[in-house]
Amino acid sequence: MASILAYDLGASSGRALLGRLTDNRIETEELHRFGNDPVQVGDRLHWDILRLYHELKQGLLKAKHQGAELSSLAIDSWAVDFGFLGAGGELLGNPYHYRDRHTDGIMEKLFAEIPAAEVFSRTGIQFLSFNSIFQLYALKQANSPLLREAKRFLMIPDLLRYFMTGETFNEFTNSTTTQLYNPKQGNWDSDLLGKLGLSESWFGPVAQPGQLVGTLRPSLTEELGIASVPVYAVAEHDTGSAVVAVPALERSFAYLSCGTWSLMGTEVEHPVISDRARELNFTNEGGAYGTFRLLKNIMGLWILNECRREWERAGESYSFPELVKMSNLADPLAAFIEPDDDLFLHPGDMPGQIRKYCERTGQKAPESPGAIVRCILESLALKYRYVLELTEQLSGQRFGGLHMVGGGIQNTLLCQWSANAIGKPVWAGPAEGSAIGNLAVQWIASGELSDIWEARRVIRDSFPVIVYEPENAEEWQDAYGRFLNITGLKRL
């Protein structure tokens, strides 16, 4: 039976997922899972890009050893980061990781040359210090030799796909996140590139999700002893793939892709590029099949992951289930943080940063691991309510509940507390949203599925969706008011 292969690179791990479509039911099998940790070298934080390519090859070998007959494959990953190819197609250095500090303070310098309002009006993308535009401007300000030698700009999935195929396409959903793509023009913004002194020749043709973008290189098939396989562009921004996998039956829906980052929004036909969207720092990222994702980035479970690493460094190892159980025993709604405060962006002593935030805002800081985890999860749930209400305001829609997808939904307390916070049902599933959306676009491209709505129906029929109904409404309404006061977020 023919299978397809989805590579999904999350912020902390990657996986190779085998997919089969039988009688309108999706079957998946995880072939290979591997770490995706950035590497600190001196003052710089890098993607371990060649190790990741090695792991992609291991996925192909495991498919071969299982006797799987692959009919196609595709890759999705985190956005904004990139590498350069030089003369002869050689990779120039290890790509910087978005949490590297070389973009600290760079937004203000760029806005001194090009006003923020102009950048947003051209791109519709929210301002985050690690966006590609700021990374490139930081390299230019540092007079990086990379820019002198660069011939092609490729984002992480583009780059890995290039290693596999030798073809240099820039995929649409990821390209939009650079803050250099103009959705009104449907191409790279040449005026913006010119004002920044960036070479237009670096940026290649933009491939749409579902487009065939190459086959495996002969040198790779010979090395691994496998047959050549078609390679598709999918929604290569992992959130774009996750949104494809939202098992919504209604055309108007809100989603939360929940993992290291939390990304909340809705699907729209046209980008919402307005002064209000810029003021609220919403983004309009490209989606699959002519859609855009009106959404906002929320820091997500990164904060919890970093706390766990810090406790491990101190010799206290806790599994995630242990931490969740401990948090359920801590006092409820006792302290809050604003998850998107700059204190929580970079790696380091995250429990110490949470204590610092609480002290700064006049709260009693949580001390035990359970209390700290509860503070994180409840704060995330309350921030979800805030962003959901903003999404309704900007899109002009009202949502009956929230679809949650991604690995974070395995945290059942977060799902329940999110339902409590928003006062509406949460529909949780599937957990492997990005990989399943990746598979779905491949099946649509090959004609196995007719369109994205048939894909969503098949996904809903293939994977369980757990419903969380809101509880303790009065207690959570009171907590929301205190959360807004403590964090300084504007009341709507």
Protein backbone atom coordinates (compact mmCIF):
# COMPACT_ATOMS: atom_id res chain seq x y z
CA MET A 1 0.00 0.00 0.00
CA ALA A 2 1.38 3.42 -0.97
CA SER A 3 2.34 5.72 1.89
CA ILE A 4 3.39 9.33 2.18
CA LEU A 5 5.91 10.84 4.57
CA ALA A 6 5.58 14.05 6.59
CA TYR A 7 8.56 15.61 8.33
CA ASP A 8 7.43 17.94 11.11
CA LEU A 9 10.12 19.93 12.92
CA GLY A 10 8.85 21.45 16.15
CA ALA A 11 10.75 23.86 18.36
CA SER A 12 12.10 21.08 20.58
CA SER A 13 11.78 17.88 18.54
CA GLY A 14 11.23 16.59 15.03
CA ARG A 15 9.40 13.56 13.72
CA ALA A 16 8.91 11.57 10.56
CA LEU A 17 5.29 10.46 10.29
CA LEU A 18 4.10 7.87 7.79
CA GLY A 19 0.57 8.35 6.52
CA ARG A 20 -1.88 6.05 4.74
CA LEU A 21 -5.37 6.86 3.51
CA THR A 22 -7.74 3.89 3.52
CA ASP A 23 -11.50 4.12 3.03
CA ASN A 24 -11.45 7.83 3.93
CA ARG A 25 -9.65 7.13 7.19
CA ILE A 26 -6.15 8.35 7.97
CA GLU A 27 -3.69 5.99 9.60
CA THR A 28 -0.39 7.37 10.88
CA GLU A 29 2.77 5.79 12.21
CA GLU A 30 5.68 7.60 13.78
CA LEU A 31 8.79 6.24 12.10
CA HIS A 32 11.42 8.42 13.69
CA ARG A 33 11.61 11.07 16.42
CA PHE A 34 14.66 13.19 17.16
CA GLY A 35 15.74 16.22 19.14
CA ASN A 36 15.74 19.71 17.67
CA ASP A 37 17.74 21.65 20.20
CA PRO A 38 19.59 24.82 19.20
CA VAL A 39 23.35 24.86 19.75
CA GLN A 40 25.12 27.64 21.66
CA VAL A 41 28.55 28.50 20.24
CA GLY A 42 30.13 31.42 22.07
CA ASP A 43 27.57 34.23 22.08
CA ARG A 44 25.59 32.82 19.15
CA LEU A 45 22.66 30.39 19.08
CA HIS A 46 22.34 28.25 15.93
CA TRP A 47 20.13 25.66 14.28
CA ASP A 48 21.93 22.31 14.09
CA ILE A 49 20.92 22.17 10.44
CA LEU A 50 23.17 19.37 9.19
CA ARG A 51 22.18 17.13 12.09
CA LEU A 52 18.55 17.74 11.16
CA TYR A 53 19.26 16.76 7.55
CA HIS A 54 20.93 13.59 8.87
CA GLU A 55 17.76 12.81 10.84
CA LEU A 56 15.60 13.32 7.74
CA LYS A 57 17.73 10.70 6.03
CA GLN A 58 17.19 8.35 8.97
CA GLY A 59 13.46 8.72 8.42
CA LEU A 60 13.88 7.65 4.80
CA LEU A 61 15.97 4.67 5.85
CA LYS A 62 13.38 3.57 8.42
CA ALA A 63 10.67 3.80 5.77
CA LYS A 64 12.84 1.65 3.51
CA HIS A 65 13.49 -0.95 6.22
CA GLN A 66 9.76 -1.20 6.88
CA GLY A 67 9.15 -1.85 3.21
CA ALA A 68 7.05 1.30 2.87
CA GLU A 69 6.45 2.35 -0.72
CA LEU A 70 6.56 6.15 -0.60
CA SER A 71 4.58 8.12 -3.14
CA SER A 72 5.63 11.58 -1.86
CA LEU A 73 7.09 13.51 1.07
CA ALA A 74 7.07 17.06 2.46
CA ILE A 75 8.56 19.13 5.30
CA ASP A 76 7.11 21.70 7.71
CA SER A 77 8.90 23.65 10.41
CA TRP A 78 9.04 26.81 12.50
CA ALA A 79 9.07 30.05 10.49
CA VAL A 80 11.31 33.17 10.27
CA ASP A 81 14.75 31.47 10.40
CA PHE A 82 16.85 30.99 7.30
CA GLY A 83 20.19 30.14 5.77
CA PHE A 84 22.12 31.47 2.80
CA LEU A 85 23.55 29.62 -0.15
CA GLY A 86 26.71 30.98 -1.72
CA ALA A 87 28.35 30.43 -5.08
CA GLY A 88 28.05 26.82 -6.18
CA GLY A 89 25.09 26.18 -3.86
CA GLU A 90 27.17 25.80 -0.69
CA LEU A 91 25.59 26.59 2.67
CA LEU A 92 27.11 29.71 4.23
CA GLY A 93 27.37 29.01 7.95
CA ASN A 94 24.90 27.53 10.41
CA PRO A 95 21.60 29.48 10.46
CA TYR A 96 21.00 31.63 13.49
CA HIS A 97 18.21 30.53 15.82
CA TYR A 98 15.38 32.99 16.39
CA ARG A 99 16.14 33.13 20.13
CA ASP A 100 19.65 34.41 19.46
CA ARG A 101 20.20 37.88 20.92
CA HIS A 102 21.65 39.54 17.81
CA THR A 103 18.26 41.16 17.14
CA ASP A 104 17.95 42.77 20.58
CA GLY A 105 17.09 46.45 20.08
CA ILE A 106 17.16 46.15 16.29
CA MET A 107 13.47 46.96 15.66
CA GLU A 108 13.89 50.53 16.86
CA LYS A 109 16.90 51.03 14.58
CA LEU A 110 15.01 49.76 11.55
CA PHE A 111 11.97 51.90 12.34
CA ALA A 112 14.23 54.96 12.38
CA GLU A 113 14.73 54.29 8.64
CA ILE A 114 11.32 52.89 7.71
CA PRO A 115 8.29 53.70 9.91
CA ALA A 116 6.59 50.73 11.53
CA ALA A 117 3.27 51.75 9.97
CA GLU A 118 4.76 51.47 6.48
CA VAL A 119 6.28 48.04 7.18
CA PHE A 120 2.93 46.76 8.45
CA SER A 121 0.93 48.28 5.61
CA ARG A 122 3.18 46.50 3.11
CA THR A 123 3.29 43.10 4.83
CA GLY A 124 0.47 42.74 7.39
CA ILE A 125 2.85 40.92 9.74
CA GLN A 126 3.07 41.54 13.48
CA PHE A 127 6.25 42.95 14.96
CA LEU A 128 8.39 40.35 16.71
CA SER A 129 12.06 41.05 17.28
CA PHE A 130 13.12 37.78 15.67
CA ASN A 131 11.21 38.20 12.38
CA SER A 132 13.41 37.59 9.33
CA ILE A 133 13.36 41.29 8.42
CA PHE A 134 15.00 42.16 11.75
CA GLN A 135 17.46 39.27 11.58
CA LEU A 136 18.59 40.43 8.13
CA TYR A 137 18.81 44.04 9.26
CA ALA A 138 20.88 42.96 12.27
CA LEU A 139 23.30 41.14 9.94
CA LYS A 140 23.51 44.24 7.78
CA GLN A 141 24.16 46.48 10.78
CA ALA A 142 26.93 44.10 11.89
CA ASN A 143 28.44 44.16 8.37
CA SER A 144 28.17 40.36 8.28
CA PRO A 145 30.31 38.66 5.63
CA LEU A 146 27.34 36.34 5.03
CA LEU A 147 25.58 39.11 3.13
CA ARG A 148 28.58 39.75 0.89
CA GLU A 149 28.73 36.10 -0.19
CA ALA A 150 24.99 35.27 -0.26
CA LYS A 151 23.34 34.19 -3.50
CA ARG A 152 20.07 32.65 -2.25
CA PHE A 153 17.92 33.07 0.85
CA LEU A 154 16.19 29.86 1.98
CA MET A 155 14.06 29.36 5.07
CA ILE A 156 14.54 26.23 7.18
CA PRO A 157 12.14 23.92 5.29
CA ASP A 158 13.33 25.44 1.99
CA LEU A 159 16.91 24.70 2.97
CA LEU A 160 16.28 21.11 4.04
CA ARG A 161 14.23 20.57 0.89
CA TYR A 162 17.14 21.95 -1.13
CA PHE A 163 19.49 19.46 0.51
CA MET A 164 17.11 16.69 -0.55
CA THR A 165 16.24 17.88 -4.08
CA GLY A 166 18.73 20.51 -5.23
CA GLU A 167 15.79 22.87 -6.02
CA THR A 168 15.62 26.37 -4.52
CA PHE A 169 12.00 27.38 -4.00
CA ASN A 170 10.68 29.70 -1.28
CA GLU A 171 7.38 28.35 0.04
CA PHE A 172 4.45 30.78 0.42
CA THR A 173 3.30 30.34 4.05
CA ASN A 174 6.83 30.68 5.40
CA SER A 175 7.72 33.50 3.01
CA THR A 176 4.91 35.65 4.41
CA THR A 177 6.38 35.40 7.93
CA THR A 178 9.62 37.11 6.86
CA GLN A 179 7.86 40.52 6.92
CA LEU A 180 9.34 41.04 3.43
CA TYR A 181 6.45 39.57 1.39
CA ASN A 182 3.65 41.84 0.16
CA PRO A 183 0.32 39.93 0.14
CA LYS A 184 -1.37 42.68 -1.89
CA GLN A 185 1.20 42.29 -4.66
CA GLY A 186 1.50 38.53 -4.21
CA ASN A 187 5.30 38.62 -4.19
CA TRP A 188 8.41 39.80 -2.39
CA ASP A 189 8.19 43.55 -1.70
CA SER A 190 10.91 44.98 -3.94
CA ASP A 191 10.50 48.52 -2.55
CA LEU A 192 10.97 47.32 1.02
CA LEU A 193 13.98 45.20 0.05
CA GLY A 194 15.50 48.19 -1.72
CA LYS A 195 15.04 50.50 1.25
CA LEU A 196 16.75 47.93 3.48
CA GLY A 197 19.61 47.40 1.04
CA LEU A 198 18.79 43.71 0.61
CA SER A 199 19.36 42.09 -2.76
CA GLU A 200 16.17 41.12 -4.55
CA SER A 201 18.10 38.34 -6.31
CA TRP A 202 18.37 36.43 -3.00
CA PHE A 203 14.63 35.76 -2.98
CA GLY A 204 13.42 33.13 -5.41
CA PRO A 205 10.13 31.94 -6.87
CA VAL A 206 7.39 31.40 -4.29
CA ALA A 207 5.83 27.93 -4.33
CA GLN A 208 2.24 27.42 -3.16
CA PRO A 209 1.16 24.57 -0.84
CA GLY A 210 0.46 21.53 -2.98
CA GLN A 211 3.01 22.43 -5.66
CA LEU A 212 5.46 19.79 -6.82
CA VAL A 213 8.90 21.26 -6.12
CA GLY A 214 11.30 18.46 -7.00
CA THR A 215 12.32 14.86 -6.51
CA LEU A 216 15.04 13.36 -4.35
CA ARG A 217 18.57 13.98 -5.66
CA PRO A 218 20.20 11.01 -7.42
CA SER A 219 23.13 11.26 -4.99
CA LEU A 220 20.71 10.87 -2.06
CA THR A 221 18.79 7.93 -3.53
CA GLU A 222 22.11 6.23 -4.32
CA GLU A 223 23.45 6.87 -0.80
CA LEU A 224 20.34 5.42 0.87
CA GLY A 225 19.53 2.78 -1.72
CA ILE A 226 15.99 4.03 -2.26
CA ALA A 227 13.80 4.99 -5.21
CA SER A 228 13.29 8.60 -6.22
CA VAL A 229 10.30 10.25 -4.49
CA PRO A 230 8.33 13.38 -5.47
CA VAL A 231 8.67 16.23 -2.98
CA TYR A 232 5.79 18.68 -2.46
CA ALA A 233 5.62 22.09 -0.90
CA VAL A 234 2.93 22.01 1.76
CA ALA A 235 1.98 24.72 4.25
CA GLU A 236 5.60 24.61 5.38
CA HIS A 237 5.11 26.94 8.31
CA ASP A 238 4.12 24.36 10.93
CA THR A 239 1.23 26.50 12.13
CA GLY A 240 -0.03 26.68 8.56
CA SER A 241 -0.06 22.89 8.44
CA ALA A 242 -1.69 22.71 11.87
CA VAL A 243 -4.53 24.96 10.69
CA VAL A 244 -5.11 22.69 7.69
CA ALA A 245 -5.66 19.90 10.24
CA VAL A 246 -8.23 21.78 12.36
CA PRO A 247 -11.24 19.42 12.20
CA ALA A 248 -13.75 22.24 11.79
CA LEU A 249 -17.02 21.62 9.98
CA GLU A 250 -18.05 25.28 10.05
CA ARG A 251 -16.39 27.87 7.80
CA SER A 252 -15.98 30.35 10.67
CA PHE A 253 -13.81 28.96 13.46
CA ALA A 254 -11.10 29.93 15.94
CA TYR A 255 -8.03 27.80 16.49
CA LEU A 256 -5.14 27.53 18.90
CA SER A 257 -2.05 25.67 17.73
CA CYS A 258 -0.63 24.74 21.10
CA GLY A 259 2.98 23.75 21.69
CA THR A 260 6.24 25.52 22.47
CA TRP A 261 4.46 28.54 21.01
CA SER A 262 0.73 29.16 21.17
CA LEU A 263 -0.72 30.65 18.00
CA MET A 264 -4.33 31.74 18.11
CA GLY A 265 -6.49 33.11 15.36
CA THR A 266 -8.91 32.40 12.56
CA GLU A 267 -8.81 31.69 8.85
CA VAL A 268 -9.70 34.60 6.52
CA GLU A 269 -9.86 35.02 2.75
CA HIS A 270 -8.04 38.36 2.73
CA PRO A 271 -5.42 39.81 5.09
CA VAL A 272 -6.70 42.29 7.67
CA ILE A 273 -4.21 45.13 7.27
CA SER A 274 -5.57 48.01 9.31
CA ASP A 275 -4.39 50.47 11.93
CA ARG A 276 -6.31 48.48 14.56
CA ALA A 277 -4.59 45.22 13.53
CA ARG A 278 -1.20 46.96 13.77
CA GLU A 279 -2.08 48.49 17.14
CA LEU A 280 -3.02 45.04 18.48
CA ASN A 281 0.10 43.51 16.86
CA PHE A 282 -1.83 40.84 14.97
CA THR A 283 -0.35 39.10 11.97
CA ASN A 284 -1.62 37.93 8.58
CA GLU A 285 0.37 34.83 7.68
CA GLY A 286 -0.20 32.96 4.47
CA GLY A 287 -2.31 29.82 4.64
CA ALA A 288 -3.09 26.95 2.33
CA TYR A 289 -5.35 27.34 -0.71
CA GLY A 290 -5.69 31.10 -0.92
CA THR A 291 -6.33 31.73 2.76
CA PHE A 292 -4.60 33.87 5.37
CA ARG A 293 -4.19 33.21 9.06
CA LEU A 294 -5.23 36.23 11.11
CA LEU A 295 -3.51 35.36 14.36
CA LYS A 296 -1.37 36.40 17.28
CA ASN A 297 1.70 34.66 18.69
CA ILE A 298 1.59 33.82 22.40
CA MET A 299 4.70 32.58 24.20
CA GLY A 300 3.23 29.14 24.96
CA LEU A 301 4.68 26.12 26.73
CA TRP A 302 8.24 27.35 26.13
CA ILE A 303 8.05 28.89 29.61
CA LEU A 304 7.17 25.53 31.18
CA ASN A 305 9.83 23.71 29.14
CA GLU A 306 12.50 26.15 30.29
CA CYS A 307 11.45 25.78 33.94
CA ARG A 308 11.79 22.02 33.60
CA ARG A 309 15.28 22.41 32.10
CA GLU A 310 16.30 24.69 34.96
CA TRP A 311 15.07 22.20 37.56
CA GLU A 312 16.95 19.42 35.77
CA ARG A 313 20.13 21.52 35.85
CA ALA A 314 19.62 21.81 39.61
CA GLY A 315 19.30 18.02 39.89
CA GLU A 316 15.50 17.88 40.19
CA SER A 317 14.01 15.90 37.30
CA TYR A 318 10.25 15.93 36.78
CA SER A 319 8.25 14.39 33.98
CA PHE A 320 5.54 16.54 32.41
CA PRO A 321 2.77 14.35 33.91
CA GLU A 322 4.38 14.80 37.35
CA LEU A 323 4.48 18.57 36.92
CA VAL A 324 0.86 18.70 35.80
CA LYS A 325 -0.20 16.59 38.80
CA MET A 326 1.79 18.83 41.17
CA SER A 327 0.23 21.95 39.64
CA ASN A 328 -3.28 20.61 40.21
CA LEU A 329 -2.50 20.38 43.93
CA ALA A 330 -1.28 24.01 44.17
CA ASP A 331 -3.51 26.92 45.18
CA PRO A 332 -5.67 28.02 42.24
CA LEU A 333 -5.45 31.44 40.56
CA ALA A 334 -2.90 32.72 43.08
CA ALA A 335 -0.40 34.53 40.81
CA PHE A 336 -0.27 35.54 37.15
CA ILE A 337 2.33 36.46 34.55
CA GLU A 338 2.02 38.07 31.13
CA PRO A 339 3.40 35.18 29.01
CA ASP A 340 4.61 37.58 26.31
CA ASP A 341 6.72 39.76 28.58
CA ASP A 342 10.31 40.06 27.30
CA LEU A 343 11.52 38.41 30.51
CA PHE A 344 10.35 35.06 29.13
CA LEU A 345 11.74 35.21 25.58
CA HIS A 346 15.31 34.00 26.04
CA PRO A 347 16.68 30.77 27.56
CA GLY A 348 17.82 30.92 31.18
CA ASP A 349 16.57 30.72 34.74
CA MET A 350 12.85 30.75 33.95
CA PRO A 351 11.63 30.09 37.55
CA GLY A 352 13.76 33.07 38.58
CA GLN A 353 12.24 35.20 35.81
CA ILE A 354 8.73 34.28 36.98
CA ARG A 355 9.63 35.29 40.53
CA LYS A 356 11.09 38.55 39.23
CA TYR A 357 7.89 39.30 37.28
CA CYS A 358 5.70 38.60 40.31
CA GLU A 359 7.82 40.79 42.56
CA ARG A 360 7.75 43.58 39.95
CA THR A 361 3.95 43.44 39.84
CA GLY A 362 3.40 43.27 43.60
CA GLN A 363 2.41 39.61 43.78
CA LYS A 364 3.58 36.87 46.07
CA ALA A 365 5.83 34.78 43.85
CA PRO A 366 5.12 31.04 43.53
CA GLU A 367 7.90 28.97 45.07
CA SER A 368 7.25 25.26 44.58
CA PRO A 369 7.44 23.67 41.12
CA GLY A 370 3.72 22.86 41.30
CA ALA A 371 2.79 26.47 42.10
CA ILE A 372 5.05 27.78 39.32
CA VAL A 373 3.53 25.41 36.76
CA ARG A 374 0.01 26.36 37.84
CA CYS A 375 0.90 30.04 37.47
CA ILE A 376 2.15 29.39 33.92
CA LEU A 377 -0.83 27.33 32.77
CA GLU A 378 -3.50 29.57 34.28
CA SER A 379 -1.80 32.66 32.85
CA LEU A 380 -1.73 31.06 29.41
CA ALA A 381 -5.42 30.19 29.65
CA LEU A 382 -6.32 33.76 30.61
CA LYS A 383 -4.16 35.18 27.82
CA TYR A 384 -6.00 32.88 25.40
CA ARG A 385 -9.29 34.53 26.42
CA TYR A 386 -7.82 37.97 25.81
CA VAL A 387 -6.51 37.09 22.35
CA LEU A 388 -9.69 35.20 21.40
CA GLU A 389 -11.75 38.31 22.13
CA LEU A 390 -9.34 40.43 20.08
CA THR A 391 -9.63 37.94 17.21
CA GLU A 392 -13.41 38.25 17.28
CA GLN A 393 -13.12 42.03 17.29
CA LEU A 394 -10.74 42.18 14.32
CA SER A 395 -12.41 39.52 12.19
CA GLY A 396 -15.97 40.60 12.89
CA GLN A 397 -16.86 37.02 13.82
CA ARG A 398 -18.21 35.36 16.95
CA PHE A 399 -16.92 31.90 17.81
CA GLY A 400 -18.88 29.26 19.67
CA GLY A 401 -15.74 27.66 21.06
CA LEU A 402 -12.06 27.07 20.41
CA HIS A 403 -10.35 24.31 18.42
CA MET A 404 -7.04 23.34 20.07
CA VAL A 405 -4.53 21.26 18.11
CA GLY A 406 -0.91 20.29 18.66
CA GLY A 407 1.15 18.53 21.30
CA GLY A 408 0.07 20.92 24.05
CA ILE A 409 -3.42 19.39 24.11
CA GLN A 410 -1.94 16.37 25.88
CA ASN A 411 -1.89 18.68 28.91
CA THR A 412 -5.50 18.12 29.94
CA LEU A 413 -5.36 20.75 32.68
CA LEU A 414 -4.39 23.42 30.16
CA CYS A 415 -7.33 22.39 27.95
CA GLN A 416 -9.80 22.47 30.85
CA TRP A 417 -8.49 25.75 32.24
CA SER A 418 -8.63 27.26 28.75
CA ALA A 419 -12.32 26.32 28.52
CA ASN A 420 -12.85 27.83 31.99
CA ALA A 421 -11.07 31.04 31.01
CA ILE A 422 -12.88 31.63 27.70
CA GLY A 423 -16.23 30.48 29.07
CA LYS A 424 -16.82 28.36 25.96
CA PRO A 425 -16.14 24.77 24.93
CA VAL A 426 -12.66 23.69 23.87
CA TRP A 427 -12.47 20.99 21.19
CA ALA A 428 -9.04 19.34 21.52
CA GLY A 429 -7.53 17.28 18.73
CA PRO A 430 -5.58 16.13 16.84
CA ALA A 431 -2.32 16.27 18.80
CA GLU A 432 -0.08 15.82 15.75
CA GLY A 433 -1.80 18.67 13.94
CA SER A 434 1.15 19.97 11.91
CA ALA A 435 2.19 16.55 10.63
CA ILE A 436 -1.41 15.60 9.77
CA GLY A 437 -1.96 18.89 7.92
CA ASN A 438 1.27 18.22 6.04
CA LEU A 439 -0.07 14.80 5.00
CA ALA A 440 -3.45 16.27 4.00
CA VAL A 441 -1.94 18.77 1.55
CA GLN A 442 0.06 15.98 -0.07
CA TRP A 443 -3.13 13.93 -0.53
CA ILE A 444 -4.96 16.93 -2.00
CA ALA A 445 -2.04 17.53 -4.37
CA SER A 446 -2.13 13.92 -5.56
CA GLY A 447 -5.92 13.92 -5.98
CA GLU A 448 -6.62 11.50 -3.12
CA LEU A 449 -8.65 14.22 -1.38
CA SER A 450 -10.64 16.85 -3.28
CA ASP A 451 -10.01 19.95 -1.15
CA ILE A 452 -9.25 21.26 2.32
CA TRP A 453 -12.84 20.80 3.55
CA GLU A 454 -12.92 17.14 2.58
CA ALA A 455 -9.54 16.80 4.30
CA ARG A 456 -10.91 18.36 7.50
CA ARG A 457 -13.91 16.05 7.47
CA VAL A 458 -11.66 13.01 7.03
CA ILE A 459 -9.37 14.25 9.83
CA ARG A 460 -12.39 14.67 12.12
CA ASP A 461 -13.51 11.14 11.33
CA SER A 462 -10.01 9.72 11.84
CA PHE A 463 -8.86 11.26 15.13
CA PRO A 464 -10.67 11.72 18.45
CA VAL A 465 -11.74 15.21 19.51
CA ILE A 466 -12.12 15.67 23.28
CA VAL A 467 -14.64 18.27 24.42
CA TYR A 468 -13.90 20.38 27.52
CA GLU A 469 -16.89 22.31 28.86
CA PRO A 470 -16.27 25.46 30.94
CA GLU A 471 -16.48 25.23 34.73
CA ASN A 472 -16.34 27.63 37.71
CA ALA A 473 -17.45 30.62 35.62
CA GLU A 474 -17.61 33.19 38.44
CA GLU A 475 -14.19 32.29 39.84
CA TRP A 476 -12.52 32.55 36.40
CA GLN A 477 -14.32 35.80 35.55
CA ASP A 478 -12.91 37.35 38.72
CA ALA A 479 -9.46 35.95 37.90
CA TYR A 480 -9.61 37.49 34.43
CA GLY A 481 -10.14 40.95 35.90
CA ARG A 482 -7.19 40.50 38.24
CA PHE A 483 -5.06 39.14 35.37
CA LEU A 484 -5.74 42.26 33.26
CA ASN A 485 -4.91 44.58 36.18
CA ILE A 486 -1.66 42.77 37.04
CA THR A 487 -0.40 42.44 33.46
CA GLY A 488 -1.47 45.92 32.35
CA LEU A 489 -3.32 44.53 29.31
CA LYS A 490 -5.99 46.92 28.07
CA ARG A 491 -9.58 46.07 28.83
CA LEU A 492 -11.57 45.55 25.65
